[in-house]
């Protein structure tokens, strides 16, 4: 799985869960974000600006 912002591969733990987060926009679409981008962009609004 790849990050929607930086396009790098998102790491997974042993249960195949991503190390990062999913962010849902106002249309209901899920976007995946890696841990590094999540650390840089603290709020949901800042993350969603990169998907528009």
N, C-alpha and C. Protein backbone atom coordinates (compact mmCIF):
# COMPACT_ATOMS: atom_id res chain seq x y z
N UNK A 1 0.84 -1.16 0.00
CA UNK A 1 0.00 0.00 0.00
C UNK A 1 0.90 1.24 0.00
N UNK A 2 0.49 2.29 -0.70
CA UNK A 2 1.31 3.49 -0.83
C UNK A 2 0.64 4.69 -0.19
N UNK A 3 1.46 5.61 0.27
CA UNK A 3 0.98 6.85 0.88
C UNK A 3 0.40 7.74 -0.23
N UNK A 4 -0.71 8.39 0.05
CA UNK A 4 -1.33 9.26 -0.92
C UNK A 4 -0.62 10.59 -1.09
N UNK A 5 0.22 10.96 -0.15
CA UNK A 5 0.90 12.26 -0.21
C UNK A 5 2.29 12.12 -0.81
N UNK A 6 3.13 11.26 -0.22
CA UNK A 6 4.53 11.16 -0.67
C UNK A 6 4.78 9.96 -1.59
N UNK A 7 3.80 9.12 -1.79
CA UNK A 7 3.86 7.95 -2.68
C UNK A 7 4.87 6.90 -2.26
N UNK A 8 5.32 6.93 -1.01
CA UNK A 8 6.23 5.89 -0.53
C UNK A 8 5.40 4.70 -0.01
N UNK A 9 6.04 3.56 0.11
CA UNK A 9 5.37 2.35 0.58
C UNK A 9 5.16 2.44 2.08
N UNK A 10 3.95 2.14 2.52
CA UNK A 10 3.61 2.19 3.94
C UNK A 10 3.95 0.84 4.57
N UNK A 11 4.64 0.88 5.69
CA UNK A 11 5.01 -0.35 6.39
C UNK A 11 3.79 -0.95 7.07
N UNK A 12 3.84 -2.27 7.26
CA UNK A 12 2.77 -3.00 7.94
C UNK A 12 3.36 -3.75 9.13
N UNK A 13 2.54 -3.97 10.15
CA UNK A 13 3.00 -4.79 11.26
C UNK A 13 2.70 -6.25 10.96
N UNK A 14 2.94 -7.13 11.91
CA UNK A 14 2.80 -8.56 11.65
C UNK A 14 1.35 -8.99 11.44
N UNK A 15 0.39 -8.17 11.80
CA UNK A 15 -1.02 -8.47 11.57
C UNK A 15 -1.55 -7.83 10.29
N UNK A 16 -0.65 -7.32 9.46
CA UNK A 16 -0.95 -6.68 8.18
C UNK A 16 -1.76 -5.40 8.34
N UNK A 17 -1.59 -4.71 9.47
CA UNK A 17 -2.19 -3.40 9.66
C UNK A 17 -1.14 -2.36 9.30
N UNK A 18 -1.58 -1.26 8.69
CA UNK A 18 -0.61 -0.26 8.25
C UNK A 18 -0.11 0.54 9.45
N UNK A 19 1.12 1.02 9.32
CA UNK A 19 1.69 1.92 10.32
C UNK A 19 1.49 3.32 9.76
N UNK A 20 0.36 3.88 10.07
CA UNK A 20 -0.08 5.17 9.54
C UNK A 20 -1.55 5.30 9.85
N UNK A 21 -2.28 5.96 8.97
CA UNK A 21 -3.70 6.17 9.22
C UNK A 21 -4.48 6.25 7.92
N UNK A 22 -5.78 6.14 8.05
CA UNK A 22 -6.71 6.39 6.97
C UNK A 22 -7.44 7.68 7.30
N UNK A 23 -7.63 8.55 6.30
CA UNK A 23 -8.35 9.79 6.49
C UNK A 23 -9.51 9.81 5.50
N UNK A 24 -10.71 10.09 5.99
CA UNK A 24 -11.89 10.12 5.15
C UNK A 24 -12.21 11.56 4.78
N UNK A 25 -12.41 11.82 3.48
CA UNK A 25 -12.77 13.17 3.06
C UNK A 25 -14.28 13.36 3.12
N UNK A 26 -14.76 14.55 2.71
CA UNK A 26 -16.19 14.85 2.83
C UNK A 26 -17.06 14.01 1.90
N UNK A 27 -16.48 13.43 0.86
CA UNK A 27 -17.24 12.56 -0.04
C UNK A 27 -17.29 11.12 0.46
N UNK A 28 -16.52 10.80 1.49
CA UNK A 28 -16.52 9.46 2.06
C UNK A 28 -15.40 8.57 1.56
N UNK A 29 -14.50 9.10 0.73
CA UNK A 29 -13.40 8.31 0.20
C UNK A 29 -12.26 8.25 1.23
N UNK A 30 -11.69 7.06 1.42
CA UNK A 30 -10.58 6.86 2.35
C UNK A 30 -9.25 7.10 1.64
N UNK A 31 -8.37 7.85 2.29
CA UNK A 31 -7.03 8.10 1.81
C UNK A 31 -6.06 7.55 2.85
N UNK A 32 -5.00 6.91 2.38
CA UNK A 32 -3.99 6.38 3.30
C UNK A 32 -2.84 7.36 3.43
N UNK A 33 -2.33 7.49 4.65
CA UNK A 33 -1.24 8.41 4.94
C UNK A 33 -0.22 7.67 5.77
N UNK A 34 1.05 7.79 5.40
CA UNK A 34 2.11 7.12 6.15
C UNK A 34 2.40 7.85 7.45
N UNK A 35 3.16 7.22 8.31
CA UNK A 35 3.48 7.76 9.63
C UNK A 35 4.29 9.06 9.53
N UNK A 36 5.22 9.13 8.56
CA UNK A 36 6.06 10.32 8.42
C UNK A 36 5.24 11.53 8.00
N UNK A 37 4.34 11.36 7.04
CA UNK A 37 3.48 12.47 6.60
C UNK A 37 2.48 12.85 7.69
N UNK A 38 2.03 11.87 8.44
CA UNK A 38 1.11 12.14 9.54
C UNK A 38 1.81 12.95 10.62
N UNK A 39 3.10 12.71 10.82
CA UNK A 39 3.86 13.45 11.82
C UNK A 39 4.08 14.90 11.38
N UNK A 40 4.31 15.12 10.06
CA UNK A 40 4.52 16.46 9.54
C UNK A 40 3.22 17.28 9.54
N UNK A 41 2.14 16.66 9.10
CA UNK A 41 0.85 17.35 8.97
C UNK A 41 -0.03 16.88 10.12
N UNK A 42 -0.18 17.67 11.14
CA UNK A 42 -0.81 17.25 12.38
C UNK A 42 -2.33 17.13 12.32
N UNK A 43 -3.01 18.00 11.55
CA UNK A 43 -4.47 18.01 11.57
C UNK A 43 -5.06 17.33 10.33
N UNK A 44 -6.30 16.95 10.45
CA UNK A 44 -7.00 16.31 9.34
C UNK A 44 -7.16 17.28 8.18
N UNK A 45 -7.41 18.55 8.48
CA UNK A 45 -7.59 19.55 7.42
C UNK A 45 -6.30 19.75 6.63
N UNK A 46 -5.15 19.74 7.33
CA UNK A 46 -3.87 19.90 6.64
C UNK A 46 -3.57 18.71 5.75
N UNK A 47 -3.94 17.53 6.19
CA UNK A 47 -3.72 16.32 5.37
C UNK A 47 -4.63 16.34 4.14
N UNK A 48 -5.89 16.72 4.31
CA UNK A 48 -6.83 16.71 3.19
C UNK A 48 -6.52 17.78 2.15
N UNK A 49 -5.78 18.83 2.49
CA UNK A 49 -5.38 19.84 1.50
C UNK A 49 -4.50 19.24 0.42
N UNK A 50 -3.74 18.21 0.74
CA UNK A 50 -2.84 17.58 -0.23
C UNK A 50 -3.57 16.66 -1.20
N UNK A 51 -4.82 16.32 -0.93
CA UNK A 51 -5.57 15.43 -1.80
C UNK A 51 -6.49 16.17 -2.75
N UNK A 52 -6.56 17.50 -2.63
CA UNK A 52 -7.44 18.28 -3.52
C UNK A 52 -6.71 18.82 -4.69
